[in-house]
């Protein structure tokens, strides 16, 4: 199962468990709030540690790939030339932004709308996101960058629908030719 499908399954199971928790009890609510904050601190701390590891490795290997265009606009893919270090830092930055957006959303849902169940669910989903984070798997857990962890990472949409970056030499050469024609 891909990450999007497992996220759906985990969130549905977490909702069922959250129904059984008595959020009206002030002590239980306090524990859930503490757990949520602790998970977010762990997640953001891990992403920070990951970025520090990436910077310390300083892998300047050139990475070329063709990023797919938007399927709705009919655009062609564009050539991306970067280093492994910059690519991994960009991916880690996306993960940090996603974590901050989740915190903002929870601030609105819990602080303003007074919903309590999402605190429990998002605490579990934060741990799940940390488990699925590819830069964390490579740089913190020490897994080799092969298979699903091969750069550039596959995006993987819902139910396997994905527009993955093209890394084959023919696609990169074709994109370079198109760039050369546009510059002339």
N, C-alpha and C. Protein backbone atom coordinates (compact mmCIF):
# COMPACT_ATOMS: atom_id res chain seq x y z
N UNK A 1 0.84 -1.19 0.00
CA UNK A 1 0.00 0.00 0.00
C UNK A 1 0.88 1.24 0.00
N UNK A 2 0.45 2.26 -0.76
CA UNK A 2 1.24 3.48 -0.77
C UNK A 2 0.88 4.36 0.43
N UNK A 3 1.62 5.44 0.60
CA UNK A 3 1.48 6.28 1.80
C UNK A 3 0.10 6.91 1.91
N UNK A 4 -0.47 7.35 0.79
CA UNK A 4 -1.79 7.99 0.84
C UNK A 4 -2.87 7.02 1.31
N UNK A 5 -2.81 5.80 0.84
CA UNK A 5 -3.79 4.80 1.24
C UNK A 5 -3.63 4.43 2.71
N UNK A 6 -2.39 4.25 3.16
CA UNK A 6 -2.18 3.92 4.57
C UNK A 6 -2.56 5.10 5.47
N UNK A 7 -2.36 6.33 5.01
CA UNK A 7 -2.81 7.49 5.78
C UNK A 7 -4.32 7.45 5.97
N UNK A 8 -5.03 7.10 4.92
CA UNK A 8 -6.49 7.00 4.99
C UNK A 8 -6.91 5.91 5.97
N UNK A 9 -6.27 4.77 5.89
CA UNK A 9 -6.60 3.65 6.79
C UNK A 9 -6.30 4.02 8.24
N UNK A 10 -5.12 4.60 8.48
CA UNK A 10 -4.74 4.97 9.85
C UNK A 10 -5.69 6.02 10.41
N UNK A 11 -6.05 7.01 9.59
CA UNK A 11 -6.96 8.05 10.10
C UNK A 11 -8.35 7.49 10.38
N UNK A 12 -8.83 6.56 9.55
CA UNK A 12 -10.15 5.96 9.81
C UNK A 12 -10.13 5.12 11.09
N UNK A 13 -9.04 4.36 11.29
CA UNK A 13 -8.92 3.58 12.52
C UNK A 13 -8.78 4.50 13.74
N UNK A 14 -8.01 5.57 13.59
CA UNK A 14 -7.83 6.52 14.69
C UNK A 14 -9.15 7.20 15.06
N UNK A 15 -9.99 7.47 14.06
CA UNK A 15 -11.31 8.06 14.35
C UNK A 15 -12.17 7.11 15.17
N UNK A 16 -12.07 5.82 14.86
CA UNK A 16 -12.85 4.84 15.62
C UNK A 16 -12.37 4.75 17.06
N UNK A 17 -11.05 4.80 17.25
CA UNK A 17 -10.49 4.77 18.60
C UNK A 17 -10.85 6.06 19.34
N UNK A 18 -10.79 7.20 18.64
CA UNK A 18 -11.08 8.49 19.26
C UNK A 18 -12.52 8.57 19.75
N UNK A 19 -13.43 7.85 19.10
CA UNK A 19 -14.82 7.83 19.55
C UNK A 19 -14.96 7.23 20.94
N UNK A 20 -14.06 6.33 21.30
CA UNK A 20 -14.12 5.64 22.58
C UNK A 20 -13.49 6.45 23.72
N UNK A 21 -12.76 7.50 23.39
CA UNK A 21 -12.07 8.30 24.41
C UNK A 21 -13.02 9.37 24.94
N UNK A 22 -13.02 9.55 26.25
CA UNK A 22 -13.88 10.55 26.89
C UNK A 22 -13.16 11.90 26.92
N UNK A 23 -13.38 12.70 25.88
CA UNK A 23 -12.73 14.00 25.80
C UNK A 23 -13.39 15.04 26.71
N UNK A 24 -14.53 14.69 27.31
CA UNK A 24 -15.18 15.61 28.26
C UNK A 24 -14.43 15.66 29.58
N UNK A 25 -13.69 14.61 29.90
CA UNK A 25 -12.88 14.56 31.11
C UNK A 25 -11.68 15.49 30.91
N UNK A 26 -11.52 16.46 31.79
CA UNK A 26 -10.47 17.46 31.66
C UNK A 26 -9.08 16.85 31.71
N UNK A 27 -8.91 15.82 32.53
CA UNK A 27 -7.60 15.19 32.65
C UNK A 27 -7.22 14.45 31.36
N UNK A 28 -8.18 13.76 30.76
CA UNK A 28 -7.95 13.05 29.50
C UNK A 28 -7.60 14.06 28.40
N UNK A 29 -8.35 15.16 28.36
CA UNK A 29 -8.10 16.19 27.35
C UNK A 29 -6.70 16.80 27.53
N UNK A 30 -6.29 16.99 28.76
CA UNK A 30 -4.95 17.52 29.02
C UNK A 30 -3.88 16.55 28.52
N UNK A 31 -4.07 15.26 28.78
CA UNK A 31 -3.11 14.26 28.31
C UNK A 31 -3.04 14.22 26.78
N UNK A 32 -4.18 14.34 26.13
CA UNK A 32 -4.21 14.33 24.66
C UNK A 32 -3.50 15.57 24.13
N UNK A 33 -3.72 16.71 24.76
CA UNK A 33 -3.03 17.94 24.34
C UNK A 33 -1.52 17.80 24.51
N UNK A 34 -1.11 17.26 25.63
CA UNK A 34 0.33 17.06 25.88
C UNK A 34 0.91 16.10 24.86
N UNK A 35 0.18 15.03 24.56
CA UNK A 35 0.66 14.05 23.56
C UNK A 35 0.79 14.70 22.19
N UNK A 36 -0.18 15.52 21.82
CA UNK A 36 -0.14 16.19 20.52
C UNK A 36 1.08 17.12 20.43
N UNK A 37 1.28 17.93 21.44
CA UNK A 37 2.41 18.87 21.45
C UNK A 37 3.73 18.09 21.44
N UNK A 38 3.81 17.03 22.22
CA UNK A 38 5.03 16.22 22.27
C UNK A 38 5.35 15.62 20.90
N UNK A 39 4.34 15.10 20.24
CA UNK A 39 4.55 14.51 18.91
C UNK A 39 5.04 15.58 17.93
N UNK A 40 4.43 16.77 17.98
CA UNK A 40 4.85 17.83 17.06
C UNK A 40 6.28 18.27 17.33
N UNK A 41 6.66 18.33 18.60
CA UNK A 41 8.04 18.69 18.94
C UNK A 41 9.01 17.60 18.44
N UNK A 42 8.63 16.35 18.62
CA UNK A 42 9.47 15.24 18.14
C UNK A 42 9.61 15.29 16.62
N UNK A 43 8.50 15.52 15.92
CA UNK A 43 8.51 15.57 14.45
C UNK A 43 9.39 16.72 13.97
N UNK A 44 9.16 17.92 14.49
CA UNK A 44 9.95 19.07 14.04
C UNK A 44 11.42 18.93 14.44
N UNK A 45 11.69 18.39 15.60
CA UNK A 45 13.06 18.15 16.03
C UNK A 45 13.77 17.14 15.13
N UNK A 46 13.05 16.10 14.74
CA UNK A 46 13.63 15.10 13.84
C UNK A 46 13.92 15.70 12.48
N UNK A 47 13.02 16.53 11.96
CA UNK A 47 13.26 17.18 10.67
C UNK A 47 14.46 18.13 10.77
N UNK A 48 14.60 18.83 11.88
CA UNK A 48 15.74 19.71 12.07
C UNK A 48 17.03 18.88 12.11
N UNK A 49 17.01 17.79 12.84
CA UNK A 49 18.18 16.90 12.93
C UNK A 49 18.52 16.34 11.54
N UNK A 50 17.50 15.99 10.78
CA UNK A 50 17.70 15.47 9.42
C UNK A 50 18.39 16.52 8.56
N UNK A 51 17.94 17.76 8.63
CA UNK A 51 18.56 18.81 7.81
C UNK A 51 20.01 19.04 8.23
N UNK A 52 20.29 18.91 9.52
CA UNK A 52 21.67 19.06 9.98
C UNK A 52 22.55 17.93 9.45
N UNK A 53 22.01 16.70 9.42
CA UNK A 53 22.75 15.55 8.88
C UNK A 53 23.01 15.73 7.38
N UNK A 54 22.01 16.24 6.66
CA UNK A 54 22.16 16.47 5.22
C UNK A 54 23.27 17.49 4.98
N UNK A 55 23.26 18.56 5.76
CA UNK A 55 24.28 19.60 5.59
C UNK A 55 25.66 19.07 5.95
N UNK A 56 25.75 18.22 6.96
CA UNK A 56 27.06 17.69 7.36
C UNK A 56 27.61 16.70 6.33
N UNK A 57 26.74 15.95 5.66
CA UNK A 57 27.20 15.02 4.62
C UNK A 57 27.68 15.77 3.38
N UNK A 58 27.01 16.90 3.07
CA UNK A 58 27.40 17.77 1.96
C UNK A 58 27.60 17.00 0.65
N UNK A 59 26.62 16.19 0.27
CA UNK A 59 26.69 15.38 -0.94
C UNK A 59 26.38 16.26 -2.15
N UNK A 60 27.43 16.59 -2.91
CA UNK A 60 27.28 17.50 -4.06
C UNK A 60 27.16 16.74 -5.38
N UNK A 61 26.72 15.49 -5.34
CA UNK A 61 26.49 14.71 -6.54
C UNK A 61 25.36 15.37 -7.35
N UNK A 62 25.60 15.56 -8.64
CA UNK A 62 24.60 16.21 -9.50
C UNK A 62 23.43 15.27 -9.73
N UNK A 63 22.24 15.82 -9.63
CA UNK A 63 21.01 15.06 -9.83
C UNK A 63 20.20 15.76 -10.91
N UNK A 64 19.97 15.07 -12.03
CA UNK A 64 19.17 15.62 -13.14
C UNK A 64 17.94 14.76 -13.33
N UNK A 65 16.80 15.43 -13.48
CA UNK A 65 15.56 14.72 -13.74
C UNK A 65 14.57 15.65 -14.41
N UNK A 66 13.56 15.08 -15.01
CA UNK A 66 12.50 15.86 -15.66
C UNK A 66 11.29 15.80 -14.75
N UNK A 67 10.94 16.97 -14.22
CA UNK A 67 9.77 17.07 -13.34
C UNK A 67 8.52 17.12 -14.22
N UNK A 68 7.55 16.26 -13.97
CA UNK A 68 6.38 16.23 -14.84
C UNK A 68 5.57 17.52 -14.74
N UNK A 69 4.98 17.91 -15.87
CA UNK A 69 4.12 19.08 -15.89
C UNK A 69 2.78 18.76 -15.27
N UNK A 70 1.99 19.78 -15.06
CA UNK A 70 0.65 19.60 -14.49
C UNK A 70 -0.24 18.90 -15.51
N UNK A 71 -0.91 17.82 -15.12
CA UNK A 71 -1.75 17.10 -16.08
C UNK A 71 -2.97 17.93 -16.52
N UNK A 72 -3.41 18.84 -15.69
CA UNK A 72 -4.59 19.64 -16.03
C UNK A 72 -4.26 20.74 -17.04
N UNK A 73 -3.05 21.30 -16.98
CA UNK A 73 -2.70 22.39 -17.87
C UNK A 73 -2.10 21.91 -19.19
N UNK A 74 -1.67 20.66 -19.25
CA UNK A 74 -1.08 20.12 -20.46
C UNK A 74 0.35 20.59 -20.68
N UNK A 75 0.98 21.14 -19.66
CA UNK A 75 2.36 21.59 -19.77
C UNK A 75 3.29 20.40 -19.90
N UNK A 76 4.42 20.65 -20.57
CA UNK A 76 5.44 19.62 -20.64
C UNK A 76 6.28 19.69 -19.38
N UNK A 77 6.99 18.61 -19.10
CA UNK A 77 7.85 18.58 -17.93
C UNK A 77 9.03 19.52 -18.08
N UNK A 78 9.60 19.92 -16.94
CA UNK A 78 10.77 20.81 -17.00
C UNK A 78 11.97 20.10 -16.41
N UNK A 79 13.13 20.43 -16.95
CA UNK A 79 14.38 19.83 -16.51
C UNK A 79 14.83 20.48 -15.21
N UNK A 80 15.20 19.65 -14.25
CA UNK A 80 15.70 20.13 -12.97
C UNK A 80 17.11 19.58 -12.79
N UNK A 81 18.05 20.48 -12.54
CA UNK A 81 19.43 20.09 -12.26
C UNK A 81 19.77 20.62 -10.88
N UNK A 82 20.11 19.74 -9.97
CA UNK A 82 20.40 20.11 -8.60
C UNK A 82 21.44 19.16 -8.02
N UNK A 83 21.73 19.32 -6.77
CA UNK A 83 22.62 18.37 -6.10
C UNK A 83 21.79 17.54 -5.13
N UNK A 84 22.33 16.43 -4.69
CA UNK A 84 21.63 15.57 -3.74
C UNK A 84 21.36 16.33 -2.45
N UNK A 85 22.34 17.12 -2.01
CA UNK A 85 22.18 17.91 -0.78
C UNK A 85 21.01 18.87 -0.91
N UNK A 86 20.97 19.64 -2.01
CA UNK A 86 19.91 20.62 -2.19
C UNK A 86 18.54 19.95 -2.35
N UNK A 87 18.52 18.82 -3.06
CA UNK A 87 17.26 18.09 -3.23
C UNK A 87 16.72 17.61 -1.88
N UNK A 88 17.61 17.00 -1.08
CA UNK A 88 17.18 16.50 0.22
C UNK A 88 16.75 17.63 1.15
N UNK A 89 17.46 18.76 1.11
CA UNK A 89 17.06 19.90 1.94
C UNK A 89 15.71 20.46 1.50
N UNK A 90 15.46 20.47 0.20
CA UNK A 90 14.16 20.93 -0.31
C UNK A 90 13.05 19.99 0.15
N UNK A 91 13.29 18.71 0.06
CA UNK A 91 12.28 17.74 0.50
C UNK A 91 12.03 17.84 2.01
N UNK A 92 13.08 18.06 2.78
CA UNK A 92 12.91 18.21 4.23
C UNK A 92 12.15 19.50 4.53
N UNK A 93 12.42 20.54 3.77
CA UNK A 93 11.70 21.80 3.93
C UNK A 93 10.21 21.62 3.66
N UNK A 94 9.88 20.82 2.66
CA UNK A 94 8.46 20.53 2.37
C UNK A 94 7.81 19.81 3.56
N UNK A 95 8.55 18.89 4.18
CA UNK A 95 8.03 18.17 5.33
C UNK A 95 7.79 19.10 6.51
N UNK A 96 8.71 20.04 6.73
CA UNK A 96 8.56 21.00 7.83
C UNK A 96 7.34 21.89 7.57
N UNK A 97 7.20 22.37 6.33
CA UNK A 97 6.03 23.20 5.99
C UNK A 97 4.73 22.44 6.22
N UNK A 98 4.72 21.17 5.85
CA UNK A 98 3.54 20.34 6.06
C UNK A 98 3.22 20.21 7.55
N UNK A 99 4.24 20.04 8.37
CA UNK A 99 4.03 19.94 9.82
C UNK A 99 3.48 21.24 10.38
N UNK A 100 4.03 22.37 9.93
CA UNK A 100 3.53 23.68 10.40
C UNK A 100 2.08 23.92 9.96
N UNK A 101 1.75 23.50 8.75
CA UNK A 101 0.36 23.65 8.29
C UNK A 101 -0.59 22.82 9.14
N UNK A 102 -0.15 21.63 9.52
CA UNK A 102 -0.96 20.79 10.41
C UNK A 102 -1.16 21.44 11.77
N UNK A 103 -0.10 22.06 12.30
CA UNK A 103 -0.21 22.75 13.60
C UNK A 103 -1.17 23.93 13.48
N UNK A 104 -1.08 24.69 12.39
CA UNK A 104 -2.01 25.82 12.19
C UNK A 104 -3.46 25.33 12.07
N UNK A 105 -3.64 24.26 11.33
CA UNK A 105 -4.98 23.71 11.18
C UNK A 105 -5.54 23.22 12.52
N UNK A 106 -4.69 22.58 13.31
CA UNK A 106 -5.13 22.11 14.63
C UNK A 106 -5.39 23.29 15.56
N UNK A 107 -4.59 24.34 15.44
CA UNK A 107 -4.84 25.53 16.24
C UNK A 107 -6.22 26.10 15.96
N UNK A 108 -6.62 26.10 14.68
CA UNK A 108 -7.95 26.59 14.32
C UNK A 108 -9.03 25.62 14.79
N UNK A 109 -8.86 24.33 14.48
CA UNK A 109 -9.89 23.34 14.82
C UNK A 109 -10.08 23.19 16.33
N UNK A 110 -8.98 23.17 17.07
CA UNK A 110 -9.10 22.96 18.52
C UNK A 110 -9.27 24.28 19.27
N UNK A 111 -8.48 25.27 18.91
CA UNK A 111 -8.53 26.53 19.64
C UNK A 111 -9.78 27.33 19.37
N UNK A 112 -10.19 27.41 18.12
CA UNK A 112 -11.33 28.24 17.76
C UNK A 112 -12.63 27.45 17.68
N UNK A 113 -12.59 26.29 17.01
CA UNK A 113 -13.81 25.50 16.81
C UNK A 113 -14.09 24.55 17.98
N UNK A 114 -13.13 24.36 18.88
CA UNK A 114 -13.27 23.53 20.07
C UNK A 114 -13.44 22.04 19.77
N UNK A 115 -12.94 21.57 18.62
CA UNK A 115 -12.94 20.14 18.32
C UNK A 115 -11.78 19.49 19.06
N UNK A 116 -12.03 18.32 19.64
CA UNK A 116 -10.98 17.66 20.41
C UNK A 116 -10.47 16.37 19.76
N UNK A 117 -11.32 15.66 19.06
CA UNK A 117 -10.91 14.40 18.44
C UNK A 117 -9.74 14.57 17.46
N UNK A 118 -9.71 15.65 16.67
CA UNK A 118 -8.58 15.79 15.74
C UNK A 118 -7.21 15.88 16.41
N UNK A 119 -7.15 16.31 17.66
CA UNK A 119 -5.87 16.33 18.38
C UNK A 119 -5.29 14.92 18.46
N UNK A 120 -6.12 13.98 18.85
CA UNK A 120 -5.68 12.59 18.97
C UNK A 120 -5.28 12.03 17.61
N UNK A 121 -6.12 12.27 16.61
CA UNK A 121 -5.88 11.74 15.27
C UNK A 121 -4.60 12.33 14.68
N UNK A 122 -4.42 13.63 14.82
CA UNK A 122 -3.24 14.28 14.24
C UNK A 122 -1.96 13.92 14.98
N UNK A 123 -2.06 13.57 16.25
CA UNK A 123 -0.87 13.09 16.96
C UNK A 123 -0.40 11.77 16.33
N UNK A 124 -1.34 10.89 16.03
CA UNK A 124 -0.98 9.62 15.37
C UNK A 124 -0.49 9.85 13.95
N UNK A 125 -1.15 10.77 13.23
CA UNK A 125 -0.76 11.04 11.85
C UNK A 125 0.61 11.71 11.78
N UNK A 126 0.98 12.48 12.80
CA UNK A 126 2.31 13.07 12.84
C UNK A 126 3.39 12.00 12.92
N UNK A 127 3.15 11.00 13.75
CA UNK A 127 4.09 9.89 13.85
C UNK A 127 4.14 9.11 12.54
N UNK A 128 3.00 8.93 11.91
CA UNK A 128 2.93 8.23 10.62
C UNK A 128 3.70 9.01 9.56
N UNK A 129 3.57 10.33 9.53
CA UNK A 129 4.29 11.16 8.57
C UNK A 129 5.80 11.07 8.79
N UNK A 130 6.20 11.01 10.04
CA UNK A 130 7.61 10.88 10.37
C UNK A 130 8.15 9.52 9.88
N UNK A 131 7.36 8.49 10.04
CA UNK A 131 7.73 7.15 9.59
C UNK A 131 7.86 7.11 8.06
N UNK A 132 6.99 7.84 7.35
CA UNK A 132 6.99 7.84 5.88
C UNK A 132 7.99 8.80 5.27
N UNK A 133 8.59 9.68 6.05
CA UNK A 133 9.49 10.71 5.52
C UNK A 133 10.75 10.07 4.95
N UNK A 134 10.95 10.24 3.65
CA UNK A 134 12.07 9.60 2.97
C UNK A 134 13.43 10.18 3.37
N UNK A 135 13.56 11.51 3.52
CA UNK A 135 14.86 12.02 3.98
C UNK A 135 15.23 11.51 5.37
N UNK A 136 14.24 11.33 6.23
CA UNK A 136 14.50 10.79 7.57
C UNK A 136 14.98 9.35 7.46
N UNK A 137 14.34 8.57 6.60
CA UNK A 137 14.74 7.18 6.43
C UNK A 137 16.18 7.07 5.94
N UNK A 138 16.58 7.96 5.03
CA UNK A 138 17.93 7.90 4.48
C UNK A 138 18.97 8.41 5.47
N UNK A 139 18.73 9.60 6.02
CA UNK A 139 19.78 10.27 6.78
C UNK A 139 19.77 9.96 8.28
N UNK A 140 18.63 9.64 8.84
CA UNK A 140 18.57 9.35 10.28
C UNK A 140 18.60 7.84 10.53
N UNK A 141 17.78 7.11 9.79
CA UNK A 141 17.72 5.67 9.99
C UNK A 141 18.80 4.92 9.22
N UNK A 142 19.48 5.60 8.30
CA UNK A 142 20.60 5.00 7.59
C UNK A 142 20.22 4.01 6.51
N UNK A 143 19.01 4.08 5.99
CA UNK A 143 18.61 3.17 4.91
C UNK A 143 19.28 3.62 3.62
N UNK A 144 19.63 2.68 2.75
CA UNK A 144 20.27 3.05 1.48
C UNK A 144 19.26 3.73 0.54
N UNK A 145 19.75 4.66 -0.27
CA UNK A 145 18.89 5.41 -1.20
C UNK A 145 18.66 4.60 -2.47
N UNK A 146 17.90 3.54 -2.34
CA UNK A 146 17.57 2.68 -3.48
C UNK A 146 16.12 2.24 -3.36
N UNK A 147 15.57 1.81 -4.47
CA UNK A 147 14.15 1.41 -4.47
C UNK A 147 13.26 2.63 -4.31
N UNK A 148 12.36 2.60 -3.34
CA UNK A 148 11.46 3.73 -3.09
C UNK A 148 12.20 4.96 -2.58
N UNK A 149 13.39 4.76 -2.04
CA UNK A 149 14.17 5.88 -1.49
C UNK A 149 15.14 6.47 -2.51
N UNK A 150 15.07 6.01 -3.76
CA UNK A 150 15.95 6.53 -4.80
C UNK A 150 15.49 7.93 -5.19
N UNK A 151 16.47 8.82 -5.32
CA UNK A 151 16.17 10.20 -5.69
C UNK A 151 16.04 10.31 -7.20
N UNK A 152 15.17 11.12 -7.73
CA UNK A 152 14.13 11.89 -7.05
C UNK A 152 13.02 10.96 -6.58
N UNK A 153 12.44 11.32 -5.45
CA UNK A 153 11.43 10.47 -4.83
C UNK A 153 10.16 10.44 -5.67
N UNK A 154 9.53 9.29 -5.69
CA UNK A 154 8.24 9.16 -6.36
C UNK A 154 7.20 9.84 -5.49
N UNK A 155 6.26 10.55 -6.14
CA UNK A 155 5.27 11.30 -5.39
C UNK A 155 4.12 10.43 -4.92
N UNK A 156 3.69 9.48 -5.72
CA UNK A 156 2.66 8.52 -5.31
C UNK A 156 1.35 9.16 -4.91
N UNK A 157 0.40 9.20 -5.82
CA UNK A 157 -0.91 9.73 -5.51
C UNK A 157 -1.81 8.66 -4.92
N UNK A 158 -3.06 8.99 -4.76
CA UNK A 158 -4.03 8.07 -4.19
C UNK A 158 -4.25 6.88 -5.13
N UNK A 159 -4.22 5.70 -4.59
CA UNK A 159 -4.46 4.45 -5.32
C UNK A 159 -3.46 4.24 -6.45
N UNK A 160 -2.23 4.69 -6.25
CA UNK A 160 -1.16 4.42 -7.20
C UNK A 160 -1.08 5.37 -8.37
N UNK A 161 -1.99 6.33 -8.49
CA UNK A 161 -1.93 7.30 -9.58
C UNK A 161 -0.85 8.32 -9.25
N UNK A 162 0.22 8.29 -10.01
CA UNK A 162 1.32 9.21 -9.72
C UNK A 162 1.94 9.69 -11.02
N UNK A 163 2.45 10.90 -10.98
CA UNK A 163 3.23 11.42 -12.09
C UNK A 163 4.65 11.58 -11.57
N UNK A 164 5.43 10.53 -11.76
CA UNK A 164 6.76 10.49 -11.18
C UNK A 164 7.75 11.22 -12.07
N UNK A 165 8.81 11.77 -11.45
CA UNK A 165 9.86 12.40 -12.23
C UNK A 165 10.57 11.37 -13.11
N UNK A 166 10.97 11.80 -14.30
CA UNK A 166 11.67 10.91 -15.22
C UNK A 166 13.17 11.10 -15.05
N UNK A 167 13.87 10.01 -14.81
CA UNK A 167 15.30 10.10 -14.59
C UNK A 167 16.10 9.43 -15.69
N UNK A 168 15.42 8.80 -16.65
CA UNK A 168 16.15 8.10 -17.70
C UNK A 168 16.88 9.10 -18.61
N UNK A 169 17.99 8.66 -19.17
CA UNK A 169 18.85 9.52 -19.96
C UNK A 169 18.11 10.12 -21.16
N UNK A 170 17.25 9.36 -21.80
CA UNK A 170 16.53 9.85 -22.98
C UNK A 170 15.63 11.04 -22.61
N UNK A 171 14.91 10.95 -21.50
CA UNK A 171 14.03 12.04 -21.09
C UNK A 171 14.83 13.29 -20.72
N UNK A 172 15.96 13.11 -20.03
CA UNK A 172 16.80 14.24 -19.65
C UNK A 172 17.39 14.90 -20.90
N UNK A 173 17.89 14.09 -21.84
CA UNK A 173 18.45 14.64 -23.08
C UNK A 173 17.39 15.40 -23.88
N UNK A 174 16.19 14.86 -23.94
CA UNK A 174 15.09 15.52 -24.66
C UNK A 174 14.77 16.87 -24.03
N UNK A 175 14.71 16.93 -22.71
CA UNK A 175 14.43 18.19 -22.01
C UNK A 175 15.55 19.20 -22.23
N UNK A 176 16.80 18.72 -22.25
CA UNK A 176 17.93 19.62 -22.50
C UNK A 176 17.88 20.18 -23.91
N UNK A 177 17.46 19.37 -24.88
CA UNK A 177 17.33 19.84 -26.27
C UNK A 177 16.27 20.93 -26.36
N UNK A 178 15.15 20.73 -25.67
CA UNK A 178 14.07 21.72 -25.70
C UNK A 178 14.52 23.03 -25.07
N UNK A 179 15.29 22.94 -24.01
CA UNK A 179 15.80 24.15 -23.37
C UNK A 179 16.76 24.87 -24.32
N UNK A 180 17.60 24.10 -25.01
CA UNK A 180 18.54 24.68 -25.97
C UNK A 180 17.82 25.39 -27.11
N UNK A 181 16.72 24.83 -27.60
CA UNK A 181 15.94 25.45 -28.67
C UNK A 181 15.28 26.74 -28.20
N UNK A 182 14.81 26.78 -26.96
CA UNK A 182 14.15 27.98 -26.42
C UNK A 182 15.14 29.12 -26.23
N UNK A 183 16.39 28.78 -25.88
CA UNK A 183 17.40 29.82 -25.65
C UNK A 183 17.87 30.46 -26.95
N UNK A 184 17.80 29.75 -28.05
CA UNK A 184 18.31 30.25 -29.34
C UNK A 184 17.41 31.27 -29.95
